[in-house]
Amino acid sequence: MGSTAVEHDGLVIPIINFSDFLLSDRSPEAKAAAAKAILEAFQTSGFLYLSHTPIPPDLLALVFDNSARFFEQGGEFKTRYLWSTADANRGYSAPGREKVTQLTRAEEVGSLRERAPDLKESFEIGREDEPGHPNHWPESDNLPDFKRVMTEFHRRCHELNVGVMRAIAVGMGLEEGFFDKFVDKGDNTLRLLHYPPVKREMFRQGAIRAGEHSDYGSITLLFQDRRGGLQVRAPGGKFVDVRPVEGTVVVNAGDLLARWANDGVKSTIHRVVEPPPPPPSKEGEGAGEGVEEYPARYSVAYFCNPNFDSFIEAIPGTYGGEKGEKKYEGIYSGEYLVQRLSATY
């Protein structure tokens, strides 16, 4: 059904064939085993790789191509589409604008941003029909298909989000459609990320592409280029490289899923730093001791959230008896996300 992509310092991240859960020609046993493997990964490391997803490779290639084209535009062009408010969470954020961190007080985040800004820029896209919050679609002859490509990719990722949540439900012994009414609106954010080239010496001086943080929503779908740099914190506290694996999507649990499961799943701390050196079998590729400047890195994150009007509290069966009491008060998804975003921008 799968293999292991990362096994280091107590951190185990599997590769799971998602077609075993999705396809109708798979046996009930294969479907149940895939669902169990997905839940167990979220319970142990909080991370997994999914292979054989319904995201078309040619569509993903178009997304990366259009993302690069957008970030290649000059600053004057990009600032026409600036990110404005946490309620909208749409538009362009220049390098240094956002500081991802576990801190929640705006003044503490601001101080950290000044000392160690994240070396990245991003562009956020929400669902197209959210009242009062239109997307900021760039208008340029260099980006003729941008809206079409991103809208279709947002739709496909939402479908994958629903599928993963159904697998989690099955793994937890719930009805397969338990989460459907919580995720049907697609209140999710597609984030295009560009990490500009960085001198190697800057990393030696403590620079970082994205600071230590957990994600805020239910799950995140992460599509990486081949550069690397993503690291996940292992149980012992050490950060471990999570290298790109061709044909897979990295999926991690977020804070709201952890609250839903009464901490029965892990929303694990991760970051983006200096790319790792290439493995021995690929000598000459990627980062190495002789590199003076690391090239740009691109990634695409799709942040999956419960519907903004959903009230999130511990699922029955995740508390009581030996499992203990509820660890968190209930909260509306949209309210929680705005609180977290307001602190980091």
Foldseek 3Di string as FASTA:
>chain_A
DWAWQDDPPQATAIEAELCLQVPPPHDPVSNLVSLQVLLVNQLRQLKYKYFNAPDDPVLVVVQLVLLVLVVPDDPVQQVVFDDDALLQFFGKDDFLRFAADPDQAQVVLVVVSVVATAQKMKGKDWQQPDPPHHHRDRDDPSNPCVVVSVNVNLVSVLVVVLSSQLSNCSSVVHHSCPCCLFFVVSRKMKMKMKRAKDFPVVLVVPHFNHDKHFAAAAKKWKFWDQQFFKWWQHPVGDTDTRGDDPRIIMMGGGDLNCQQLLNSGDRTIMGGGHGDQDPPVDPPDHDDPPDGMHHMIIMMMMGGHTPQQDWGHYDPPSDDDPNHHRPDDIDGGNVRSSSRRVSGD
